[in-house]
Structures are given as C-alpha cells and as structure tokens.
Amino acid sequence: ATHEFHVLDQLQSMIARGLGVTAVQPTVRPADGVLVKP
C-alpha cells in the first residue's frame, strides 16, 4: 500500500503513529517516535 505525500512535518507525525514508513534524506532529524535507519 502506498500514499503520495511529501510534507515532511506531517509525514513524520504519521510515521510516529505507526501509520507507515518512508524514504528520507540522511540529514533528516527524526521527530519523537521516529527512527531513521540505513
């Protein structure tokens, strides 16, 4: 399943709620509840 989305702040909020995953630049600063992994 996929959703088209690119607003980073809202995107991190949804990932922090466990609603999905996303590809990110390595410079992104993860919000609380979000992990950035290679």
PDB file of all heavy atoms in Angstrom:
ATOM      1  N   ALA A   1       0.856  -1.194   0.000  1.00  0.00           N
ATOM      2  CA  ALA A   1       0.000   0.000   0.000  1.00  0.00           C
ATOM      3  C   ALA A   1       0.885   1.234   0.000  1.00  0.00           C
ATOM      4  O   ALA A   1       1.941   1.250   0.637  1.00  0.00           O
ATOM      5  CB  ALA A   1      -0.917   0.002   1.218  1.00  0.00           C
ATOM      6  N   THR A   2       0.459   2.257  -0.732  1.00  0.00           N
ATOM      7  CA  THR A   2       1.242   3.491  -0.793  1.00  0.00           C
ATOM      8  C   THR A   2       0.324   4.700  -0.684  1.00  0.00           C
ATOM      9  O   THR A   2      -0.860   4.656  -1.050  1.00  0.00           O
ATOM     10  CB  THR A   2       2.027   3.607  -2.118  1.00  0.00           C
ATOM     11  OG1 THR A   2       1.110   3.601  -3.224  1.00  0.00           O
ATOM     12  CG2 THR A   2       3.023   2.477  -2.273  1.00  0.00           C
ATOM     13  N   HIS A   3       0.880   5.792  -0.143  1.00  0.00           N
ATOM     14  CA  HIS A   3       0.214   7.091  -0.120  1.00  0.00           C
ATOM     15  C   HIS A   3       1.194   8.099  -0.697  1.00  0.00           C
ATOM     16  O   HIS A   3       2.394   8.039  -0.418  1.00  0.00           O
ATOM     17  CB  HIS A   3      -0.157   7.513   1.302  1.00  0.00           C
ATOM     18  CG  HIS A   3      -1.095   6.575   1.997  1.00  0.00           C
ATOM     19  ND1 HIS A   3      -2.409   6.438   1.627  1.00  0.00           N
ATOM     20  CD2 HIS A   3      -0.894   5.729   3.036  1.00  0.00           C
ATOM     21  CE1 HIS A   3      -2.996   5.550   2.412  1.00  0.00           C
ATOM     22  NE2 HIS A   3      -2.094   5.098   3.274  1.00  0.00           N
ATOM     23  N   GLU A   4       0.703   9.025  -1.506  1.00  0.00           N
ATOM     24  CA  GLU A   4       1.560  10.069  -2.059  1.00  0.00           C
ATOM     25  C   GLU A   4       1.592  11.234  -1.080  1.00  0.00           C
ATOM     26  O   GLU A   4       0.560  11.825  -0.762  1.00  0.00           O
ATOM     27  CB  GLU A   4       1.021  10.522  -3.416  1.00  0.00           C
ATOM     28  CG  GLU A   4       1.948  11.485  -4.131  1.00  0.00           C
ATOM     29  CD  GLU A   4       1.434  11.840  -5.519  1.00  0.00           C
ATOM     30  OE1 GLU A   4       1.387  10.939  -6.381  1.00  0.00           O
ATOM     31  OE2 GLU A   4       1.068  13.014  -5.716  1.00  0.00           O
ATOM     32  N   PHE A   5       2.809  11.560  -0.617  1.00  0.00           N
ATOM     33  CA  PHE A   5       2.932  12.570   0.437  1.00  0.00           C
ATOM     34  C   PHE A   5       4.364  13.083   0.456  1.00  0.00           C
ATOM     35  O   PHE A   5       5.302  12.313   0.290  1.00  0.00           O
ATOM     36  CB  PHE A   5       2.602  11.941   1.798  1.00  0.00           C
ATOM     37  CG  PHE A   5       1.887  12.862   2.734  1.00  0.00           C
ATOM     38  CD1 PHE A   5       0.509  12.901   2.775  1.00  0.00           C
ATOM     39  CD2 PHE A   5       2.598  13.708   3.579  1.00  0.00           C
ATOM     40  CE1 PHE A   5      -0.162  13.755   3.652  1.00  0.00           C
ATOM     41  CE2 PHE A   5       1.939  14.559   4.447  1.00  0.00           C
ATOM     42  CZ  PHE A   5       0.547  14.581   4.487  1.00  0.00           C
ATOM     43  N   HIS A   6       4.546  14.397   0.668  1.00  0.00           N
ATOM     44  CA  HIS A   6       5.920  14.896   0.789  1.00  0.00           C
ATOM     45  C   HIS A   6       6.060  16.069   1.752  1.00  0.00           C
ATOM     46  O   HIS A   6       7.100  16.726   1.770  1.00  0.00           O
ATOM     47  CB  HIS A   6       6.488  15.275  -0.587  1.00  0.00           C
ATOM     48  CG  HIS A   6       5.748  16.384  -1.279  1.00  0.00           C
ATOM     49  ND1 HIS A   6       4.854  16.139  -2.298  1.00  0.00           N
ATOM     50  CD2 HIS A   6       5.772  17.726  -1.104  1.00  0.00           C
ATOM     51  CE1 HIS A   6       4.353  17.289  -2.724  1.00  0.00           C
ATOM     52  NE2 HIS A   6       4.904  18.256  -2.017  1.00  0.00           N
ATOM     53  N   VAL A   7       5.053  16.348   2.568  1.00  0.00           N
ATOM     54  CA  VAL A   7       5.186  17.385   3.596  1.00  0.00           C
ATOM     55  C   VAL A   7       5.827  16.733   4.821  1.00  0.00           C
ATOM     56  O   VAL A   7       5.185  15.965   5.538  1.00  0.00           O
ATOM     57  CB  VAL A   7       3.818  17.996   3.953  1.00  0.00           C
ATOM     58  CG1 VAL A   7       3.993  19.075   5.019  1.00  0.00           C
ATOM     59  CG2 VAL A   7       3.148  18.570   2.716  1.00  0.00           C
ATOM     60  N   LEU A   8       7.106  17.036   5.056  1.00  0.00           N
ATOM     61  CA  LEU A   8       7.909  16.260   5.999  1.00  0.00           C
ATOM     62  C   LEU A   8       7.364  16.279   7.423  1.00  0.00           C
ATOM     63  O   LEU A   8       7.311  15.243   8.089  1.00  0.00           O
ATOM     64  CB  LEU A   8       9.361  16.751   5.983  1.00  0.00           C
ATOM     65  CG  LEU A   8      10.355  15.944   6.816  1.00  0.00           C
ATOM     66  CD1 LEU A   8      10.386  14.493   6.359  1.00  0.00           C
ATOM     67  CD2 LEU A   8      11.746  16.551   6.737  1.00  0.00           C
ATOM     68  N   ASP A   9       6.946  17.441   7.934  1.00  0.00           N
ATOM     69  CA  ASP A   9       6.471  17.510   9.319  1.00  0.00           C
ATOM     70  C   ASP A   9       5.246  16.621   9.537  1.00  0.00           C
ATOM     71  O   ASP A   9       5.186  15.851  10.505  1.00  0.00           O
ATOM     72  CB  ASP A   9       6.140  18.956   9.688  1.00  0.00           C
ATOM     73  CG  ASP A   9       7.380  19.837   9.794  1.00  0.00           C
ATOM     74  OD1 ASP A   9       8.483  19.251   9.888  1.00  0.00           O
ATOM     75  OD2 ASP A   9       7.259  21.073   9.773  1.00  0.00           O
ATOM     76  N   GLN A  10       4.274  16.723   8.646  1.00  0.00           N
ATOM     77  CA  GLN A  10       3.083  15.884   8.761  1.00  0.00           C
ATOM     78  C   GLN A  10       3.429  14.414   8.548  1.00  0.00           C
ATOM     79  O   GLN A  10       2.867  13.525   9.194  1.00  0.00           O
ATOM     80  CB  GLN A  10       2.025  16.333   7.755  1.00  0.00           C
ATOM     81  CG  GLN A  10       1.507  17.743   7.991  1.00  0.00           C
ATOM     82  CD  GLN A  10       0.498  18.157   6.943  1.00  0.00           C
ATOM     83  OE1 GLN A  10      -0.190  17.327   6.378  1.00  0.00           O
ATOM     84  NE2 GLN A  10       0.431  19.461   6.675  1.00  0.00           N
ATOM     85  N   LEU A  11       4.360  14.181   7.642  1.00  0.00           N
ATOM     86  CA  LEU A  11       4.772  12.813   7.345  1.00  0.00           C
ATOM     87  C   LEU A  11       5.388  12.151   8.571  1.00  0.00           C
ATOM     88  O   LEU A  11       5.048  11.007   8.922  1.00  0.00           O
ATOM     89  CB  LEU A  11       5.782  12.840   6.189  1.00  0.00           C
ATOM     90  CG  LEU A  11       6.232  11.517   5.600  1.00  0.00           C
ATOM     91  CD1 LEU A  11       5.039  10.681   5.173  1.00  0.00           C
ATOM     92  CD2 LEU A  11       7.159  11.761   4.418  1.00  0.00           C
ATOM     93  N   GLN A  12       6.278  12.855   9.256  1.00  0.00           N
ATOM     94  CA  GLN A  12       6.894  12.298  10.460  1.00  0.00           C
ATOM     95  C   GLN A  12       5.850  12.040  11.541  1.00  0.00           C
ATOM     96  O   GLN A  12       5.934  11.055  12.286  1.00  0.00           O
ATOM     97  CB  GLN A  12       7.982  13.234  10.980  1.00  0.00           C
ATOM     98  CG  GLN A  12       9.231  13.281  10.115  1.00  0.00           C
ATOM     99  CD  GLN A  12      10.491  13.419  10.947  1.00  0.00           C
ATOM    100  OE1 GLN A  12      10.725  12.649  11.870  1.00  0.00           O
ATOM    101  NE2 GLN A  12      11.315  14.395  10.606  1.00  0.00           N
ATOM    102  N   SER A  13       4.849  12.923  11.626  1.00  0.00           N
ATOM    103  CA  SER A  13       3.795  12.739  12.615  1.00  0.00           C
ATOM    104  C   SER A  13       3.039  11.437  12.364  1.00  0.00           C
ATOM    105  O   SER A  13       2.727  10.691  13.304  1.00  0.00           O
ATOM    106  CB  SER A  13       2.842  13.937  12.576  1.00  0.00           C
ATOM    107  OG  SER A  13       1.781  13.757  13.496  1.00  0.00           O
ATOM    108  N   MET A  14       2.783  11.129  11.107  1.00  0.00           N
ATOM    109  CA  MET A  14       2.066   9.895  10.774  1.00  0.00           C
ATOM    110  C   MET A  14       2.931   8.663  11.012  1.00  0.00           C
ATOM    111  O   MET A  14       2.444   7.629  11.479  1.00  0.00           O
ATOM    112  CB  MET A  14       1.570   9.960   9.330  1.00  0.00           C
ATOM    113  CG  MET A  14       0.415  10.943   9.163  1.00  0.00           C
ATOM    114  SD  MET A  14      -0.323  10.923   7.515  1.00  0.00           S
ATOM    115  CE  MET A  14       0.945  11.767   6.585  1.00  0.00           C
ATOM    116  N   ILE A  15       4.218   8.776  10.709  1.00  0.00           N
ATOM    117  CA  ILE A  15       5.118   7.646  10.949  1.00  0.00           C
ATOM    118  C   ILE A  15       5.248   7.399  12.451  1.00  0.00           C
ATOM    119  O   ILE A  15       5.281   6.252  12.909  1.00  0.00           O
ATOM    120  CB  ILE A  15       6.497   7.921  10.304  1.00  0.00           C
ATOM    121  CG1 ILE A  15       6.357   7.913   8.789  1.00  0.00           C
ATOM    122  CG2 ILE A  15       7.523   6.869  10.741  1.00  0.00           C
ATOM    123  CD1 ILE A  15       7.574   8.387   8.054  1.00  0.00           C
ATOM    124  N   ALA A  16       5.296   8.461  13.248  1.00  0.00           N
ATOM    125  CA  ALA A  16       5.382   8.319  14.705  1.00  0.00           C
ATOM    126  C   ALA A  16       4.159   7.611  15.272  1.00  0.00           C
ATOM    127  O   ALA A  16       4.220   7.021  16.359  1.00  0.00           O
ATOM    128  CB  ALA A  16       5.546   9.689  15.355  1.00  0.00           C
ATOM    129  N   ARG A  17       3.050   7.650  14.544  1.00  0.00           N
ATOM    130  CA  ARG A  17       1.836   6.955  14.969  1.00  0.00           C
ATOM    131  C   ARG A  17       1.759   5.534  14.409  1.00  0.00           C
ATOM    132  O   ARG A  17       0.754   4.839  14.588  1.00  0.00           O
ATOM    133  CB  ARG A  17       0.603   7.751  14.530  1.00  0.00           C
ATOM    134  CG  ARG A  17       0.383   9.021  15.334  1.00  0.00           C
ATOM    135  CD  ARG A  17      -0.730   9.880  14.718  1.00  0.00           C
ATOM    136  NE  ARG A  17      -1.142  10.956  15.617  1.00  0.00           N
ATOM    137  CZ  ARG A  17      -0.491  12.095  15.779  1.00  0.00           C
ATOM    138  NH1 ARG A  17       0.633  12.300  15.099  1.00  0.00           N
ATOM    139  NH2 ARG A  17      -0.938  13.019  16.614  1.00  0.00           N
ATOM    140  N   GLY A  18       2.823   5.129  13.709  1.00  0.00           N
ATOM    141  CA  GLY A  18       2.856   3.770  13.186  1.00  0.00           C
ATOM    142  C   GLY A  18       1.999   3.563  11.955  1.00  0.00           C
ATOM    143  O   GLY A  18       1.607   2.427  11.640  1.00  0.00           O
ATOM    144  N   LEU A  19       1.712   4.635  11.198  1.00  0.00           N
ATOM    145  CA  LEU A  19       0.832   4.528  10.038  1.00  0.00           C
ATOM    146  C   LEU A  19       1.560   4.121   8.764  1.00  0.00           C
ATOM    147  O   LEU A  19       0.920   3.873   7.743  1.00  0.00           O
ATOM    148  CB  LEU A  19       0.111   5.862   9.810  1.00  0.00           C
ATOM    149  CG  LEU A  19      -0.803   6.323  10.959  1.00  0.00           C
ATOM    150  CD1 LEU A  19      -1.403   7.681  10.647  1.00  0.00           C
ATOM    151  CD2 LEU A  19      -1.895   5.294  11.203  1.00  0.00           C
ATOM    152  N   GLY A  20       2.894   4.065   8.795  1.00  0.00           N
ATOM    153  CA  GLY A  20       3.635   3.675   7.608  1.00  0.00           C
ATOM    154  C   GLY A  20       5.111   3.998   7.742  1.00  0.00           C
ATOM    155  O   GLY A  20       5.582   4.382   8.819  1.00  0.00           O
ATOM    156  N   VAL A  21       5.831   3.836   6.626  1.00  0.00           N
ATOM    157  CA  VAL A  21       7.267   4.120   6.573  1.00  0.00           C
ATOM    158  C   VAL A  21       7.526   4.983   5.339  1.00  0.00           C
ATOM    159  O   VAL A  21       6.681   5.085   4.443  1.00  0.00           O
ATOM    160  CB  VAL A  21       8.105   2.820   6.502  1.00  0.00           C
ATOM    161  CG1 VAL A  21       7.849   1.942   7.703  1.00  0.00           C
ATOM    162  CG2 VAL A  21       7.807   2.044   5.207  1.00  0.00           C
ATOM    163  N   THR A  22       8.714   5.590   5.273  1.00  0.00           N
ATOM    164  CA  THR A  22       9.034   6.422   4.111  1.00  0.00           C
ATOM    165  C   THR A  22      10.536   6.506   3.898  1.00  0.00           C
ATOM    166  O   THR A  22      11.324   6.345   4.838  1.00  0.00           O
ATOM    167  CB  THR A  22       8.460   7.847   4.275  1.00  0.00           C
ATOM    168  OG1 THR A  22       8.576   8.539   3.024  1.00  0.00           O
ATOM    169  CG2 THR A  22       9.214   8.637   5.343  1.00  0.00           C
ATOM    170  N   ALA A  23      10.916   6.763   2.664  1.00  0.00           N
ATOM    171  CA  ALA A  23      12.319   7.010   2.334  1.00  0.00           C
ATOM    172  C   ALA A  23      12.646   8.454   2.667  1.00  0.00           C
ATOM    173  O   ALA A  23      11.848   9.356   2.396  1.00  0.00           O
ATOM    174  CB  ALA A  23      12.562   6.738   0.850  1.00  0.00           C
ATOM    175  N   VAL A  24      13.833   8.696   3.264  1.00  0.00           N
ATOM    176  CA  VAL A  24      14.211  10.044   3.684  1.00  0.00           C
ATOM    177  C   VAL A  24      15.676  10.319   3.361  1.00  0.00           C
ATOM    178  O   VAL A  24      16.479   9.404   3.192  1.00  0.00           O
ATOM    179  CB  VAL A  24      13.995  10.257   5.203  1.00  0.00           C
ATOM    180  CG1 VAL A  24      12.515  10.206   5.556  1.00  0.00           C
ATOM    181  CG2 VAL A  24      14.780   9.237   6.023  1.00  0.00           C
ATOM    182  N   GLN A  25      16.001  11.596   3.305  1.00  0.00           N
ATOM    183  CA  GLN A  25      17.396  12.001   3.179  1.00  0.00           C
ATOM    184  C   GLN A  25      18.116  11.714   4.499  1.00  0.00           C
ATOM    185  O   GLN A  25      17.508  11.797   5.572  1.00  0.00           O
ATOM    186  CB  GLN A  25      17.488  13.485   2.842  1.00  0.00           C
ATOM    187  CG  GLN A  25      16.858  13.861   1.516  1.00  0.00           C
ATOM    188  CD  GLN A  25      16.981  15.345   1.223  1.00  0.00           C
ATOM    189  OE1 GLN A  25      17.898  16.017   1.684  1.00  0.00           O
ATOM    190  NE2 GLN A  25      16.048  15.870   0.444  1.00  0.00           N
ATOM    191  N   PRO A  26      19.412  11.397   4.449  1.00  0.00           N
ATOM    192  CA  PRO A  26      20.128  11.047   5.685  1.00  0.00           C
ATOM    193  C   PRO A  26      20.318  12.217   6.640  1.00  0.00           C
ATOM    194  O   PRO A  26      20.698  12.023   7.784  1.00  0.00           O
ATOM    195  CB  PRO A  26      21.476  10.523   5.184  1.00  0.00           C
ATOM    196  CG  PRO A  26      21.662  11.180   3.866  1.00  0.00           C
ATOM    197  CD  PRO A  26      20.282  11.294   3.274  1.00  0.00           C
ATOM    198  N   THR A  27      20.046  13.436   6.175  1.00  0.00           N
ATOM    199  CA  THR A  27      20.197  14.609   7.031  1.00  0.00           C
ATOM    200  C   THR A  27      18.933  14.898   7.836  1.00  0.00           C
ATOM    201  O   THR A  27      18.931  15.826   8.659  1.00  0.00           O
ATOM    202  CB  THR A  27      20.531  15.840   6.180  1.00  0.00           C
ATOM    203  OG1 THR A  27      19.611  15.908   5.086  1.00  0.00           O
ATOM    204  CG2 THR A  27      21.951  15.766   5.646  1.00  0.00           C
ATOM    205  N   VAL A  28      17.848  14.154   7.618  1.00  0.00           N
ATOM    206  CA  VAL A  28      16.600  14.446   8.304  1.00  0.00           C
ATOM    207  C   VAL A  28      16.753  14.247   9.812  1.00  0.00           C
ATOM    208  O   VAL A  28      17.446  13.333  10.268  1.00  0.00           O
ATOM    209  CB  VAL A  28      15.451  13.561   7.758  1.00  0.00           C
ATOM    210  CG1 VAL A  28      15.625  12.110   8.164  1.00  0.00           C
ATOM    211  CG2 VAL A  28      14.100  14.077   8.218  1.00  0.00           C
ATOM    212  N   ARG A  29      16.132  15.120  10.576  1.00  0.00           N
ATOM    213  CA  ARG A  29      16.148  14.997  12.031  1.00  0.00           C
ATOM    214  C   ARG A  29      14.859  14.316  12.470  1.00  0.00           C
ATOM    215  O   ARG A  29      13.779  14.903  12.340  1.00  0.00           O
ATOM    216  CB  ARG A  29      16.276  16.370  12.686  1.00  0.00           C
ATOM    217  CG  ARG A  29      17.622  17.036  12.403  1.00  0.00           C
ATOM    218  CD  ARG A  29      17.757  18.333  13.168  1.00  0.00           C
ATOM    219  NE  ARG A  29      19.052  18.962  12.942  1.00  0.00           N
ATOM    220  CZ  ARG A  29      19.450  20.093  13.528  1.00  0.00           C
ATOM    221  NH1 ARG A  29      18.632  20.700  14.376  1.00  0.00           N
ATOM    222  NH2 ARG A  29      20.637  20.595  13.262  1.00  0.00           N
ATOM    223  N   PRO A  30      14.944  13.101  12.982  1.00  0.00           N
ATOM    224  CA  PRO A  30      13.716  12.374  13.315  1.00  0.00           C
ATOM    225  C   PRO A  30      12.959  13.016  14.469  1.00  0.00           C
ATOM    226  O   PRO A  30      13.550  13.466  15.451  1.00  0.00           O
ATOM    227  CB  PRO A  30      14.223  10.973  13.672  1.00  0.00           C
ATOM    228  CG  PRO A  30      15.653  11.162  14.068  1.00  0.00           C
ATOM    229  CD  PRO A  30      16.156  12.302  13.246  1.00  0.00           C
ATOM    230  N   ALA A  31      11.633  13.022  14.336  1.00  0.00           N
ATOM    231  CA  ALA A  31      10.776  13.506  15.418  1.00  0.00           C
ATOM    232  C   ALA A  31      10.671  12.427  16.494  1.00  0.00           C
ATOM    233  O   ALA A  31      11.113  11.283  16.299  1.00  0.00           O
ATOM    234  CB  ALA A  31       9.396  13.837  14.847  1.00  0.00           C
ATOM    235  N   ASP A  32      10.111  12.780  17.633  1.00  0.00           N
ATOM    236  CA  ASP A  32       9.886  11.789  18.691  1.00  0.00           C
ATOM    237  C   ASP A  32       9.031  10.650  18.145  1.00  0.00           C
ATOM    238  O   ASP A  32       8.023  10.883  17.467  1.00  0.00           O
ATOM    239  CB  ASP A  32       9.171  12.440  19.877  1.00  0.00           C
ATOM    240  CG  ASP A  32      10.061  13.413  20.631  1.00  0.00           C
ATOM    241  OD1 ASP A  32      11.294  13.337  20.459  1.00  0.00           O
ATOM    242  OD2 ASP A  32       9.516  14.259  21.378  1.00  0.00           O
ATOM    243  N   GLY A  33       9.455   9.429  18.441  1.00  0.00           N
ATOM    244  CA  GLY A  33       8.717   8.263  17.976  1.00  0.00           C
ATOM    245  C   GLY A  33       9.107   7.789  16.598  1.00  0.00           C
ATOM    246  O   GLY A  33       8.531   6.831  16.080  1.00  0.00           O
ATOM    247  N   VAL A  34      10.098   8.445  15.977  1.00  0.00           N
ATOM    248  CA  VAL A  34      10.553   8.083  14.630  1.00  0.00           C
ATOM    249  C   VAL A  34      12.028   7.693  14.691  1.00  0.00           C
ATOM    250  O   VAL A  34      12.827   8.348  15.358  1.00  0.00           O
ATOM    251  CB  VAL A  34      10.371   9.250  13.639  1.00  0.00           C
ATOM    252  CG1 VAL A  34      10.938   8.886  12.267  1.00  0.00           C
ATOM    253  CG2 VAL A  34       8.896   9.625  13.522  1.00  0.00           C
ATOM    254  N   LEU A  35      12.382   6.625  13.995  1.00  0.00           N
ATOM    255  CA  LEU A  35      13.772   6.196  13.851  1.00  0.00           C
ATOM    256  C   LEU A  35      14.176   6.288  12.384  1.00  0.00           C
ATOM    257  O   LEU A  35      13.382   5.945  11.501  1.00  0.00           O
ATOM    258  CB  LEU A  35      13.951   4.755  14.339  1.00  0.00           C
ATOM    259  CG  LEU A  35      13.649   4.471  15.813  1.00  0.00           C
ATOM    260  CD1 LEU A  35      13.810   2.969  16.087  1.00  0.00           C
ATOM    261  CD2 LEU A  35      14.565   5.278  16.724  1.00  0.00           C
ATOM    262  N   VAL A  36      15.388   6.760  12.134  1.00  0.00           N
ATOM    263  CA  VAL A  36      15.924   6.806  10.774  1.00  0.00           C
ATOM    264  C   VAL A  36      17.012   5.748  10.667  1.00  0.00           C
ATOM    265  O   VAL A  36      17.975   5.753  11.451  1.00  0.00           O
ATOM    266  CB  VAL A  36      16.476   8.200  10.434  1.00  0.00           C
ATOM    267  CG1 VAL A  36      17.151   8.189   9.071  1.00  0.00           C
ATOM    268  CG2 VAL A  36      15.352   9.228  10.453  1.00  0.00           C
ATOM    269  N   LYS A  37      16.851   4.824   9.707  1.00  0.00           N
ATOM    270  CA  LYS A  37      17.772   3.698   9.564  1.00  0.00           C
ATOM    271  C   LYS A  37      18.296   3.607   8.126  1.00  0.00           C
ATOM    272  O   LYS A  37      17.565   3.912   7.182  1.00  0.00           O
ATOM    273  CB  LYS A  37      17.039   2.385   9.877  1.00  0.00           C
ATOM    274  CG  LYS A  37      16.441   2.294  11.273  1.00  0.00           C
ATOM    275  CD  LYS A  37      17.457   1.778  12.262  1.00  0.00           C
ATOM    276  CE  LYS A  37      16.820   1.504  13.620  1.00  0.00           C
ATOM    277  NZ  LYS A  37      17.814   0.923  14.549  1.00  0.00           N
ATOM    278  N   PRO A  38      19.548   3.155   7.964  1.00  0.00           N
ATOM    279  CA  PRO A  38      20.017   2.887   6.603  1.00  0.00           C
ATOM    280  C   PRO A  38      19.357   1.638   6.046  1.00  0.00           C
ATOM    281  O   PRO A  38      18.967   0.735   6.791  1.00  0.00           O
ATOM    282  CB  PRO A  38      21.529   2.678   6.785  1.00  0.00           C
ATOM    283  CG  PRO A  38      21.692   2.269   8.209  1.00  0.00           C
ATOM    284  CD  PRO A  38      20.592   2.935   8.977  1.00  0.00           C
TER     285      PRO A  38
END
